[in-house]
N, C-alpha and C. Protein backbone atom coordinates (compact mmCIF):
# COMPACT_ATOMS: atom_id res chain seq x y z
N UNK A 1 -80.85 64.62 -38.97
CA UNK A 1 -79.78 64.39 -38.29
C UNK A 1 -79.97 63.38 -36.67
N UNK A 2 -81.05 63.99 -36.47
CA UNK A 2 -80.86 63.59 -34.60
C UNK A 2 -81.53 62.38 -35.12
N UNK A 3 -82.55 61.70 -35.86
CA UNK A 3 -82.96 60.74 -36.67
C UNK A 3 -81.89 59.53 -36.67
N UNK A 4 -80.78 59.79 -37.89
CA UNK A 4 -79.26 59.40 -37.85
C UNK A 4 -78.90 58.83 -36.51
N UNK A 5 -78.28 60.11 -35.88
CA UNK A 5 -77.92 59.49 -34.32
C UNK A 5 -78.36 58.60 -33.49
N UNK A 6 -79.78 58.86 -33.90
CA UNK A 6 -80.79 57.45 -32.80
C UNK A 6 -80.44 56.02 -33.01
N UNK A 7 -80.16 56.29 -34.87
CA UNK A 7 -80.68 54.80 -35.40
C UNK A 7 -79.26 54.16 -35.24
N UNK A 8 -78.09 55.16 -35.26
CA UNK A 8 -76.58 54.96 -35.27
C UNK A 8 -76.47 54.58 -33.50
N UNK A 9 -77.04 55.01 -32.73
CA UNK A 9 -76.85 55.09 -31.52
C UNK A 9 -77.27 53.55 -30.93
N UNK A 10 -79.03 53.57 -31.70
CA UNK A 10 -79.27 51.99 -31.35
C UNK A 10 -78.81 50.74 -31.74
N UNK A 11 -78.01 51.13 -33.09
CA UNK A 11 -77.14 50.04 -33.66
C UNK A 11 -76.21 49.46 -32.60
N UNK A 12 -74.98 50.75 -32.48
CA UNK A 12 -74.18 50.36 -31.72
C UNK A 12 -74.72 49.76 -30.42
N UNK A 13 -75.66 50.08 -29.35
CA UNK A 13 -76.49 49.03 -28.68
C UNK A 13 -76.59 47.81 -28.77
N UNK A 14 -77.04 47.72 -30.14
CA UNK A 14 -77.31 46.12 -30.74
C UNK A 14 -76.05 45.49 -30.31
N UNK A 15 -75.03 45.83 -31.53
CA UNK A 15 -73.71 45.40 -31.52
C UNK A 15 -73.24 44.83 -30.29
N UNK A 16 -73.26 45.83 -28.99
CA UNK A 16 -72.95 45.83 -27.63
C UNK A 16 -73.35 44.86 -27.06
N UNK A 17 -74.51 44.33 -27.07
CA UNK A 17 -75.73 43.39 -26.54
C UNK A 17 -74.92 42.15 -27.18
N UNK A 18 -74.63 42.30 -28.13
CA UNK A 18 -74.37 40.80 -29.30
C UNK A 18 -72.92 40.25 -28.79
N UNK A 19 -72.27 41.47 -28.90
CA UNK A 19 -70.36 40.72 -28.41
C UNK A 19 -70.82 40.28 -27.00
N UNK A 20 -71.80 41.19 -25.96
CA UNK A 20 -71.63 40.24 -24.54
C UNK A 20 -72.45 39.28 -24.75
N UNK A 21 -73.39 38.69 -25.54
CA UNK A 21 -74.31 37.25 -25.39
C UNK A 21 -73.28 36.86 -25.71
N UNK A 22 -72.66 36.73 -26.80
CA UNK A 22 -71.30 35.48 -27.38
C UNK A 22 -70.04 35.29 -27.04
N UNK A 23 -70.01 36.06 -25.35
CA UNK A 23 -68.61 36.09 -24.96
C UNK A 23 -67.50 37.21 -25.55
N UNK A 24 -68.09 37.86 -26.84
CA UNK A 24 -67.10 38.47 -27.53
C UNK A 24 -66.49 39.79 -27.11
N UNK A 25 -66.63 40.04 -25.45
CA UNK A 25 -66.33 40.91 -24.89
C UNK A 25 -64.57 40.53 -24.12
N UNK A 26 -64.44 39.23 -24.17
CA UNK A 26 -63.61 38.70 -23.18
C UNK A 26 -62.75 37.60 -24.09
N UNK A 27 -62.01 38.25 -25.47
CA UNK A 27 -61.76 37.11 -25.92
C UNK A 27 -60.91 36.15 -25.91
N UNK A 28 -61.16 34.93 -26.21
CA UNK A 28 -60.27 33.59 -25.73
C UNK A 28 -58.94 33.70 -26.42
N UNK A 29 -57.96 33.19 -25.72
CA UNK A 29 -56.62 33.23 -26.21
C UNK A 29 -56.66 32.00 -26.90
N UNK A 30 -55.74 32.30 -27.46
CA UNK A 30 -55.08 31.58 -28.79
C UNK A 30 -54.59 30.31 -28.60
N UNK A 31 -55.02 29.07 -29.00
CA UNK A 31 -53.75 27.72 -28.64
C UNK A 31 -53.54 27.08 -29.56
N UNK A 32 -52.48 26.31 -29.57
CA UNK A 32 -52.10 25.96 -31.25
C UNK A 32 -51.06 24.59 -30.78
N UNK A 33 -51.57 23.52 -31.44
CA UNK A 33 -50.98 22.34 -31.52
C UNK A 33 -49.46 22.59 -32.18
N UNK A 34 -49.08 21.07 -32.63
CA UNK A 34 -48.10 20.98 -33.62
C UNK A 34 -48.77 21.29 -35.32
N UNK A 35 -50.15 20.85 -35.31
CA UNK A 35 -50.10 21.09 -36.32
C UNK A 35 -51.39 21.65 -36.96
N UNK A 36 -51.86 22.39 -35.48
CA UNK A 36 -53.07 23.59 -36.07
C UNK A 36 -53.20 24.42 -34.79
N UNK A 37 -54.82 24.53 -34.55
CA UNK A 37 -55.05 25.81 -34.20
C UNK A 37 -56.55 25.16 -33.12
N UNK A 38 -56.82 25.74 -32.20
CA UNK A 38 -58.22 25.57 -31.47
C UNK A 38 -59.09 26.53 -32.49
N UNK A 39 -60.30 25.74 -32.27
CA UNK A 39 -61.20 25.71 -33.63
C UNK A 39 -62.60 25.84 -32.48
N UNK A 40 -63.00 26.99 -32.22
CA UNK A 40 -64.40 27.10 -31.68
C UNK A 40 -65.72 26.98 -32.58
N UNK A 41 -66.49 25.80 -32.05
CA UNK A 41 -67.88 25.47 -32.37
C UNK A 41 -68.56 26.28 -32.18
N UNK A 42 -69.96 26.98 -32.89
CA UNK A 42 -70.84 27.31 -33.12
C UNK A 42 -72.31 26.78 -33.88
N UNK A 43 -72.90 26.85 -33.59
CA UNK A 43 -73.75 26.44 -31.69
C UNK A 43 -73.22 25.72 -31.28
N UNK A 44 -73.04 25.87 -29.93
CA UNK A 44 -72.37 24.84 -29.21
C UNK A 44 -73.79 23.86 -28.67
N UNK A 45 -73.51 22.36 -28.77
CA UNK A 45 -73.94 21.59 -28.69
C UNK A 45 -73.87 20.70 -27.22
N UNK A 46 -74.51 19.75 -26.90
CA UNK A 46 -74.22 19.41 -25.58
C UNK A 46 -73.31 18.18 -25.43
N UNK A 47 -71.85 17.77 -24.95
CA UNK A 47 -71.60 16.69 -24.88
C UNK A 47 -72.33 15.72 -25.15
N UNK A 48 -71.46 14.70 -25.63
CA UNK A 48 -72.64 13.25 -25.83
C UNK A 48 -73.13 12.27 -24.61
N UNK A 49 -73.49 11.57 -24.98
CA UNK A 49 -74.15 10.71 -23.30
C UNK A 49 -73.19 9.22 -23.57
N UNK A 50 -72.60 9.35 -24.21
CA UNK A 50 -72.23 7.97 -24.80
C UNK A 50 -71.35 7.39 -23.66
N UNK A 51 -71.83 5.94 -22.96
CA UNK A 51 -71.30 5.19 -22.27
C UNK A 51 -69.81 4.70 -22.71
N UNK A 52 -68.72 4.65 -21.80
CA UNK A 52 -67.58 4.61 -22.42
C UNK A 52 -66.47 3.72 -21.13
N UNK A 53 -65.51 2.90 -21.30
CA UNK A 53 -64.85 1.80 -20.05
C UNK A 53 -63.58 2.71 -19.45
N UNK A 54 -63.76 2.44 -18.43
CA UNK A 54 -62.31 2.79 -17.01
C UNK A 54 -61.52 1.63 -17.61
N UNK A 55 -60.42 1.99 -17.25
CA UNK A 55 -59.50 0.90 -17.12
C UNK A 55 -59.88 -0.51 -16.98
N UNK A 56 -60.57 -0.58 -15.78
CA UNK A 56 -60.72 -1.55 -14.99
C UNK A 56 -61.93 -1.95 -15.36
N UNK A 57 -62.60 -1.89 -16.53
CA UNK A 57 -64.06 -2.16 -17.54
C UNK A 57 -65.37 -1.67 -16.79
N UNK A 58 -65.37 -0.77 -15.90
CA UNK A 58 -66.45 -0.43 -15.40
C UNK A 58 -66.79 0.61 -16.52
N UNK A 59 -68.30 1.06 -16.66
CA UNK A 59 -68.65 2.12 -17.25
C UNK A 59 -68.83 3.43 -16.93
N UNK A 60 -68.63 4.53 -17.67
CA UNK A 60 -68.76 5.54 -17.34
C UNK A 60 -69.26 6.52 -18.17
N UNK A 61 -69.59 7.76 -17.91
CA UNK A 61 -70.05 8.62 -19.03
C UNK A 61 -69.44 10.34 -18.76
N UNK A 62 -69.58 11.34 -19.47
CA UNK A 62 -69.22 12.45 -19.56
C UNK A 62 -70.11 13.21 -18.02
N UNK A 63 -71.21 12.96 -18.17
CA UNK A 63 -72.35 13.50 -17.42
C UNK A 63 -71.51 13.23 -16.06
N UNK A 64 -70.61 12.29 -15.79
CA UNK A 64 -70.22 12.71 -14.15
C UNK A 64 -68.87 13.42 -13.67
N UNK A 65 -68.50 14.61 -15.08
CA UNK A 65 -67.91 15.28 -14.76
C UNK A 65 -68.70 16.77 -15.14
N UNK A 66 -69.68 16.76 -15.15
CA UNK A 66 -70.41 18.43 -15.13
C UNK A 66 -70.46 18.94 -13.90
N UNK A 67 -70.45 20.40 -14.11
CA UNK A 67 -69.93 21.36 -13.27
C UNK A 67 -68.32 21.88 -13.76
N UNK A 68 -67.77 21.01 -14.06
CA UNK A 68 -66.46 20.95 -14.65
C UNK A 68 -65.85 21.58 -15.89
N UNK A 69 -65.05 22.35 -15.90
CA UNK A 69 -64.24 22.00 -17.62
C UNK A 69 -63.47 20.78 -17.58
N UNK A 70 -63.66 20.12 -18.91
CA UNK A 70 -63.42 18.88 -19.25
C UNK A 70 -62.43 18.93 -20.45
N UNK A 71 -61.35 18.34 -20.23
CA UNK A 71 -60.16 18.27 -21.35
C UNK A 71 -60.26 17.21 -21.63
N UNK A 72 -60.95 16.67 -23.02
CA UNK A 72 -61.66 15.12 -23.48
C UNK A 72 -60.17 14.91 -24.45
N UNK A 73 -59.57 14.55 -24.12
CA UNK A 73 -58.63 13.55 -25.34
C UNK A 73 -58.94 12.27 -25.89
N UNK A 74 -58.60 12.25 -26.95
CA UNK A 74 -58.81 10.96 -28.08
C UNK A 74 -57.51 10.94 -27.91
N UNK A 75 -57.11 9.50 -28.53
CA UNK A 75 -55.48 8.67 -28.65
C UNK A 75 -55.49 7.38 -28.75
N UNK A 76 -54.32 6.75 -29.35
CA UNK A 76 -54.48 5.56 -29.48
C UNK A 76 -52.91 5.24 -29.01
N UNK A 77 -52.71 3.95 -28.91
CA UNK A 77 -51.21 3.15 -28.22
C UNK A 77 -50.22 3.57 -29.64
N UNK A 78 -50.56 3.50 -30.89
CA UNK A 78 -50.20 3.52 -31.99
C UNK A 78 -49.30 4.85 -32.53
N UNK A 79 -50.15 5.63 -32.03
CA UNK A 79 -50.15 6.79 -32.52
C UNK A 79 -48.91 7.72 -31.91
N UNK A 80 -47.78 8.20 -32.84
CA UNK A 80 -46.66 8.36 -31.95
C UNK A 80 -46.86 9.96 -31.15
N UNK A 81 -47.87 10.77 -31.86
CA UNK A 81 -47.74 12.08 -31.43
C UNK A 81 -48.40 12.03 -30.34
N UNK A 82 -48.98 11.27 -30.16
CA UNK A 82 -50.26 10.89 -29.09
C UNK A 82 -49.38 10.71 -27.74
N UNK A 83 -48.30 9.84 -28.06
CA UNK A 83 -47.35 9.62 -27.29
C UNK A 83 -47.36 10.76 -26.40
N UNK A 84 -46.13 11.34 -27.24
CA UNK A 84 -45.56 12.88 -26.91
C UNK A 84 -46.60 13.67 -26.03
N UNK A 85 -47.84 13.42 -25.89
CA UNK A 85 -49.02 14.51 -25.28
C UNK A 85 -49.33 13.70 -24.09
N UNK A 86 -49.51 12.51 -24.71
CA UNK A 86 -49.87 11.36 -23.09
C UNK A 86 -49.11 12.27 -21.77
N UNK A 87 -47.78 12.16 -22.00
CA UNK A 87 -47.52 12.86 -21.42
C UNK A 87 -47.35 14.54 -20.22
N UNK A 88 -47.58 15.32 -21.39
CA UNK A 88 -48.34 16.39 -21.06
C UNK A 88 -49.43 16.51 -20.29
N UNK A 89 -50.61 15.89 -20.87
CA UNK A 89 -51.80 15.62 -20.21
C UNK A 89 -51.43 14.82 -18.73
N UNK A 90 -50.98 14.21 -18.65
CA UNK A 90 -50.43 13.39 -17.65
C UNK A 90 -49.58 14.90 -16.58
N UNK A 91 -49.21 15.20 -16.70
CA UNK A 91 -48.44 16.73 -15.71
C UNK A 91 -49.74 17.51 -15.46
N UNK A 92 -50.56 18.05 -16.95
CA UNK A 92 -51.52 18.90 -16.46
C UNK A 92 -52.35 18.22 -15.65
N UNK A 93 -53.12 17.11 -15.18
CA UNK A 93 -53.59 16.50 -14.60
C UNK A 93 -53.00 16.13 -13.04
N UNK A 94 -51.99 16.01 -13.21
CA UNK A 94 -51.31 16.50 -11.73
C UNK A 94 -51.35 18.17 -10.74
N UNK A 95 -51.07 18.92 -12.18
CA UNK A 95 -51.26 20.17 -11.45
C UNK A 95 -52.36 20.54 -11.53
N UNK A 96 -53.33 20.30 -11.62
CA UNK A 96 -54.96 21.29 -11.86
C UNK A 96 -55.78 20.08 -10.72
N UNK A 97 -56.93 21.06 -10.04
CA UNK A 97 -57.34 20.79 -9.07
C UNK A 97 -58.53 20.14 -9.50
N UNK A 98 -59.03 18.52 -9.46
CA UNK A 98 -59.71 17.59 -10.04
C UNK A 98 -61.44 18.28 -10.24
N UNK A 99 -61.41 19.05 -8.78
CA UNK A 99 -63.02 19.45 -8.72
C UNK A 99 -63.14 21.09 -10.00
N UNK A 100 -62.18 21.12 -10.27
CA UNK A 100 -62.53 22.44 -11.40
C UNK A 100 -62.36 21.96 -12.98
N UNK A 101 -61.34 21.61 -13.29
CA UNK A 101 -60.37 20.45 -14.44
C UNK A 101 -60.68 18.85 -14.05
N UNK A 102 -61.31 18.43 -15.58
CA UNK A 102 -60.97 16.88 -15.20
C UNK A 102 -60.34 16.55 -17.15
N UNK A 103 -59.61 16.21 -16.39
CA UNK A 103 -58.40 16.07 -17.77
C UNK A 103 -58.55 14.16 -18.06
N UNK A 104 -59.54 13.95 -19.19
CA UNK A 104 -60.10 12.50 -19.62
C UNK A 104 -59.57 12.32 -20.86
N UNK A 105 -58.37 11.41 -20.67
CA UNK A 105 -58.00 10.47 -21.84
C UNK A 105 -58.62 9.18 -22.39
N UNK A 106 -58.95 9.25 -23.65
CA UNK A 106 -59.98 8.38 -24.05
C UNK A 106 -59.44 7.70 -24.95
N UNK A 107 -58.89 6.14 -25.06
CA UNK A 107 -58.05 5.60 -26.01
C UNK A 107 -59.48 4.86 -26.88
N UNK A 108 -58.60 5.32 -28.64
CA UNK A 108 -59.74 4.10 -29.18
C UNK A 108 -59.30 3.08 -29.58
N UNK A 109 -58.29 2.24 -28.90
CA UNK A 109 -57.33 1.23 -29.43
C UNK A 109 -58.38 0.05 -29.46
N UNK A 110 -58.71 -0.46 -30.39
CA UNK A 110 -59.45 -1.74 -30.93
C UNK A 110 -59.40 -3.07 -29.92
N UNK A 111 -58.10 -3.09 -29.15
CA UNK A 111 -57.79 -3.90 -28.05
C UNK A 111 -58.02 -3.96 -26.52
N UNK A 112 -58.48 -2.45 -27.01
CA UNK A 112 -58.97 -2.07 -25.11
C UNK A 112 -57.63 -1.96 -24.64
N UNK A 113 -58.19 -2.41 -23.24
CA UNK A 113 -57.17 -2.69 -22.22
C UNK A 113 -55.57 -3.14 -22.71
N UNK A 114 -55.85 -3.87 -23.26
CA UNK A 114 -54.73 -5.11 -23.54
C UNK A 114 -53.81 -4.64 -24.80
N UNK A 115 -53.92 -3.53 -24.98
CA UNK A 115 -53.22 -2.52 -25.51
C UNK A 115 -52.72 -1.21 -25.10
N UNK A 116 -53.85 -0.86 -23.98
CA UNK A 116 -53.61 0.59 -23.51
C UNK A 116 -52.88 0.28 -22.28
N UNK A 117 -53.16 -0.56 -21.40
CA UNK A 117 -52.21 -0.71 -20.05
C UNK A 117 -50.90 -0.75 -20.18
N UNK A 118 -50.69 -1.36 -21.22
CA UNK A 118 -48.59 -1.45 -20.84
C UNK A 118 -48.14 0.23 -21.61
N UNK A 119 -48.82 0.50 -22.47
CA UNK A 119 -48.83 1.67 -23.03
C UNK A 119 -48.79 2.90 -21.75
N UNK A 120 -49.43 2.79 -20.67
CA UNK A 120 -49.77 3.85 -19.65
C UNK A 120 -48.25 3.34 -18.67
N UNK A 121 -48.30 1.98 -18.30
CA UNK A 121 -46.94 1.64 -17.65
C UNK A 121 -45.73 2.24 -18.05
N UNK A 122 -45.55 1.83 -19.32
CA UNK A 122 -44.56 2.31 -20.44
C UNK A 122 -44.18 3.92 -20.09
N UNK A 123 -45.10 4.37 -20.11
CA UNK A 123 -44.91 6.15 -19.97
C UNK A 123 -44.98 6.73 -18.83
N UNK A 124 -45.51 5.52 -17.54
CA UNK A 124 -45.68 6.17 -16.56
C UNK A 124 -46.53 7.32 -16.36
N UNK A 125 -47.61 6.99 -16.45
CA UNK A 125 -49.29 7.82 -16.69
C UNK A 125 -49.72 7.23 -15.16
N UNK A 126 -49.36 7.95 -14.24
CA UNK A 126 -49.80 7.62 -12.67
C UNK A 126 -50.95 9.03 -12.28
N UNK A 127 -51.11 10.22 -13.03
CA UNK A 127 -52.12 11.18 -12.40
C UNK A 127 -52.82 11.22 -13.78
N UNK A 128 -52.59 10.97 -14.60
CA UNK A 128 -53.77 10.98 -15.98
C UNK A 128 -54.98 10.10 -15.88
N UNK A 129 -56.35 10.21 -15.95
CA UNK A 129 -57.00 8.96 -15.79
C UNK A 129 -57.41 8.66 -17.29
N UNK A 130 -57.14 7.57 -17.29
CA UNK A 130 -57.31 6.91 -18.99
C UNK A 130 -58.57 5.94 -18.93
N UNK A 131 -59.10 6.03 -19.86
CA UNK A 131 -60.47 5.57 -20.30
C UNK A 131 -60.50 4.92 -21.67
N UNK A 132 -61.38 3.92 -22.10
CA UNK A 132 -61.31 3.23 -23.29
C UNK A 132 -62.32 3.67 -23.90
N UNK A 133 -62.51 3.64 -25.67
CA UNK A 133 -63.71 3.06 -26.34
C UNK A 133 -63.42 2.99 -27.74
N UNK A 134 -63.23 1.36 -27.41
CA UNK A 134 -62.42 0.63 -28.30
C UNK A 134 -63.54 0.26 -29.91
N UNK A 135 -64.66 0.48 -29.39
CA UNK A 135 -65.83 0.65 -30.87
C UNK A 135 -65.67 2.00 -30.81
N UNK A 136 -65.14 2.73 -30.35
CA UNK A 136 -65.49 4.16 -31.01
C UNK A 136 -66.73 4.76 -30.89
N UNK A 137 -67.26 4.65 -30.28
CA UNK A 137 -68.61 5.15 -29.87
C UNK A 137 -68.68 6.75 -29.16
N UNK A 138 -68.02 7.16 -28.44
CA UNK A 138 -67.49 8.18 -28.45
C UNK A 138 -67.47 9.20 -29.07
N UNK A 139 -65.89 9.02 -29.80
CA UNK A 139 -65.63 9.30 -30.86
C UNK A 139 -65.08 8.41 -32.02
N UNK A 140 -65.38 9.20 -33.26
CA UNK A 140 -65.07 8.38 -34.26
C UNK A 140 -64.26 8.62 -35.45
N UNK A 141 -63.40 7.60 -36.11
CA UNK A 141 -62.40 8.24 -36.70
C UNK A 141 -63.17 8.32 -38.05
N UNK A 142 -64.38 7.17 -38.09
CA UNK A 142 -64.88 6.84 -39.43
C UNK A 142 -65.97 7.88 -39.54
N UNK A 143 -66.03 8.41 -40.78
CA UNK A 143 -67.40 9.13 -41.37
C UNK A 143 -68.63 8.36 -41.85
N UNK A 144 -68.38 6.98 -42.01
CA UNK A 144 -69.26 5.71 -42.58
C UNK A 144 -70.03 5.29 -41.63
N UNK A 145 -68.93 4.91 -40.82
CA UNK A 145 -69.68 4.14 -39.25
C UNK A 145 -69.70 4.62 -37.97
N UNK A 146 -69.79 6.15 -38.06
CA UNK A 146 -70.28 6.77 -37.07
C UNK A 146 -71.45 6.87 -36.26
N UNK A 147 -71.63 6.23 -35.13
CA UNK A 147 -72.24 6.42 -33.47
C UNK A 147 -73.28 7.17 -33.88
N UNK A 148 -74.13 7.25 -33.66
CA UNK A 148 -75.12 8.31 -33.69
C UNK A 148 -74.62 9.56 -32.08
N UNK A 149 -74.30 10.68 -32.39
CA UNK A 149 -73.70 11.17 -31.27
C UNK A 149 -72.94 11.33 -31.12
N UNK A 150 -71.97 10.00 -31.79
CA UNK A 150 -70.55 10.01 -31.08
C UNK A 150 -69.64 11.95 -31.91
N UNK A 151 -68.17 11.99 -31.58
CA UNK A 151 -67.94 13.29 -31.82
C UNK A 151 -67.00 12.87 -32.81
N UNK A 152 -66.61 13.75 -33.83
CA UNK A 152 -65.92 13.61 -35.05
C UNK A 152 -64.07 13.50 -34.67
N UNK A 153 -63.48 12.73 -35.30
CA UNK A 153 -62.21 12.85 -34.74
C UNK A 153 -61.27 12.79 -36.00
N UNK A 154 -61.19 14.15 -36.43
CA UNK A 154 -60.56 14.60 -37.53
C UNK A 154 -58.78 14.45 -37.64
N UNK A 155 -58.43 13.38 -36.57
CA UNK A 155 -57.47 13.16 -36.40
C UNK A 155 -56.60 12.51 -35.27
N UNK A 156 -55.82 12.22 -34.95
CA UNK A 156 -55.03 11.92 -33.42
C UNK A 156 -53.92 12.31 -33.28
N UNK A 157 -53.89 12.53 -31.92
CA UNK A 157 -54.62 12.98 -30.80
C UNK A 157 -55.58 14.35 -31.30
N UNK A 158 -56.48 14.33 -30.78
CA UNK A 158 -57.69 15.38 -30.70
C UNK A 158 -58.40 15.80 -29.57
N UNK A 159 -57.91 16.60 -29.37
CA UNK A 159 -58.86 16.72 -27.78
C UNK A 159 -60.17 18.12 -27.64
N UNK A 160 -60.88 17.63 -27.15
CA UNK A 160 -61.98 18.52 -27.56
C UNK A 160 -62.14 19.09 -25.76
N UNK A 161 -62.60 20.52 -25.82
CA UNK A 161 -63.49 21.21 -24.57
C UNK A 161 -64.08 21.43 -24.28
N UNK A 162 -64.65 20.46 -22.82
CA UNK A 162 -66.48 20.72 -22.66
C UNK A 162 -66.56 22.09 -21.64
N UNK A 163 -67.28 22.81 -21.57
CA UNK A 163 -67.75 24.09 -20.77
C UNK A 163 -68.00 23.26 -19.35
N UNK A 164 -68.32 24.11 -18.19
CA UNK A 164 -68.97 23.28 -17.08
C UNK A 164 -70.19 23.26 -16.99
N UNK A 165 -71.13 23.76 -18.21
CA UNK A 165 -72.72 23.67 -18.68
C UNK A 165 -72.81 22.22 -19.40
N UNK A 166 -71.12 21.08 -19.80
CA UNK A 166 -71.87 20.42 -20.12
C UNK A 166 -71.44 20.53 -22.44
N UNK A 167 -71.23 21.62 -22.45
CA UNK A 167 -71.29 21.77 -23.84
C UNK A 167 -70.03 21.61 -24.74
N UNK A 168 -70.22 21.31 -25.75
CA UNK A 168 -68.68 21.21 -26.49
C UNK A 168 -68.34 22.71 -26.91
N UNK A 169 -67.38 22.81 -26.74
CA UNK A 169 -66.97 24.55 -26.92
C UNK A 169 -65.95 24.36 -28.42
N UNK A 170 -65.04 23.65 -28.86
CA UNK A 170 -64.32 23.14 -29.45
C UNK A 170 -63.58 22.08 -29.65
N UNK A 171 -62.19 22.09 -30.55
CA UNK A 171 -61.29 21.06 -30.44
C UNK A 171 -60.16 21.79 -30.93
N UNK A 172 -59.14 20.75 -30.91
CA UNK A 172 -57.86 20.99 -31.16
C UNK A 172 -56.85 19.80 -31.92
N UNK A 173 -56.54 19.75 -33.00
CA UNK A 173 -56.12 18.57 -33.54
C UNK A 173 -55.08 18.54 -33.49
N UNK A 174 -53.66 17.44 -33.02
CA UNK A 174 -52.35 17.35 -33.19
C UNK A 174 -51.77 17.30 -31.61
N UNK A 175 -50.76 17.31 -31.20
CA UNK A 175 -50.05 16.94 -30.05
C UNK A 175 -49.68 18.58 -29.30
N UNK A 176 -50.23 18.77 -28.56
CA UNK A 176 -50.46 19.90 -27.75
C UNK A 176 -49.76 20.00 -26.48
N UNK A 177 -48.62 20.97 -26.41
CA UNK A 177 -48.15 21.36 -25.30
C UNK A 177 -48.68 21.64 -24.12
N UNK A 178 -49.59 20.79 -23.32
CA UNK A 178 -50.23 20.99 -22.16
C UNK A 178 -49.46 22.22 -20.93
N UNK A 179 -48.33 22.02 -20.89
CA UNK A 179 -47.53 22.74 -19.68
C UNK A 179 -47.28 23.99 -20.09
N UNK A 180 -47.52 24.07 -21.63
CA UNK A 180 -47.33 25.71 -21.73
C UNK A 180 -47.87 26.83 -21.41
N UNK A 181 -47.51 28.20 -21.37
CA UNK A 181 -47.92 29.58 -20.75
C UNK A 181 -49.25 29.02 -21.61
N UNK A 182 -49.03 29.09 -22.99
CA UNK A 182 -50.49 29.46 -23.56
C UNK A 182 -51.33 28.70 -23.13
N UNK A 183 -51.19 27.17 -23.08
CA UNK A 183 -51.93 26.25 -22.34
C UNK A 183 -52.80 26.42 -21.73
N UNK A 184 -51.48 26.96 -20.53
CA UNK A 184 -52.26 27.30 -19.37
C UNK A 184 -53.46 28.45 -19.58
N UNK A 185 -53.06 29.77 -20.16
CA UNK A 185 -53.52 30.72 -20.04
C UNK A 185 -55.09 30.43 -20.82
N UNK A 186 -55.32 29.37 -22.00
CA UNK A 186 -56.20 29.25 -22.76
C UNK A 186 -57.73 28.27 -21.73
N UNK A 187 -56.81 27.74 -20.66
CA UNK A 187 -58.03 26.83 -19.75
C UNK A 187 -58.23 27.80 -18.66
N UNK A 188 -57.42 28.81 -18.32
CA UNK A 188 -57.80 29.48 -17.13
C UNK A 188 -58.96 30.48 -17.79
N UNK A 189 -59.20 30.63 -18.97
CA UNK A 189 -59.72 31.25 -19.86
C UNK A 189 -61.22 30.50 -19.38
N UNK A 190 -61.31 29.16 -19.60
CA UNK A 190 -62.61 29.09 -19.42
C UNK A 190 -63.00 27.94 -17.88
N UNK A 191 -61.86 27.97 -17.34
CA UNK A 191 -62.28 28.37 -15.78
C UNK A 191 -62.62 29.95 -15.19
N UNK A 192 -62.40 30.61 -15.76
CA UNK A 192 -62.99 32.16 -15.56
C UNK A 192 -62.35 32.34 -14.14
N UNK A 193 -60.91 32.42 -14.42
CA UNK A 193 -59.73 32.72 -13.95
C UNK A 193 -58.79 33.26 -14.41
N UNK A 194 -58.33 34.97 -13.33
CA UNK A 194 -57.63 35.93 -14.12
C UNK A 194 -56.40 35.53 -14.27
N UNK A 195 -55.53 35.89 -14.88
CA UNK A 195 -54.56 36.35 -15.52
C UNK A 195 -53.50 36.08 -14.47
N UNK A 196 -52.42 35.38 -13.84
CA UNK A 196 -51.83 35.72 -12.69
C UNK A 196 -50.64 37.08 -13.16
């Protein structure tokens, strides 16, 4: 009997240690879009180091956001659900501390700034940093021509969350209401902020 008790106690300790190590002790809140739910990835991979463009044509990469939680959104000007989501992301960018949370909107429009700039103006996106990836090297819709290290784009819009260590935590496909209490609770989880 003592042997069985010791074995069960050891098994319980191992399960507890595993749950703490995987973060299961504090379960992540659920985030839903209009067409799906956030999918956690395991194991975690580092964010791609692929360069992409700013609207003014200079180059940057995700390394500049290290130490912050990154809301990495892929979109296109011809995508109707993207238009809905972009205004929500603009409000999120306006309400967030840019030293803790980076909202990064990357357009995959093939015509680059020529297609994107009029969209930004028409939708009054004044707080949201908008970037360009016309060659789909950072994120790709094509499985056949995907650049090495590119994030798969399972549809548009798609948003990846990158943690403060620069690891891709997961993604959500579809227009998401980033103003919702559900989305705020979800982001607070990654920022390590308690519920208000």
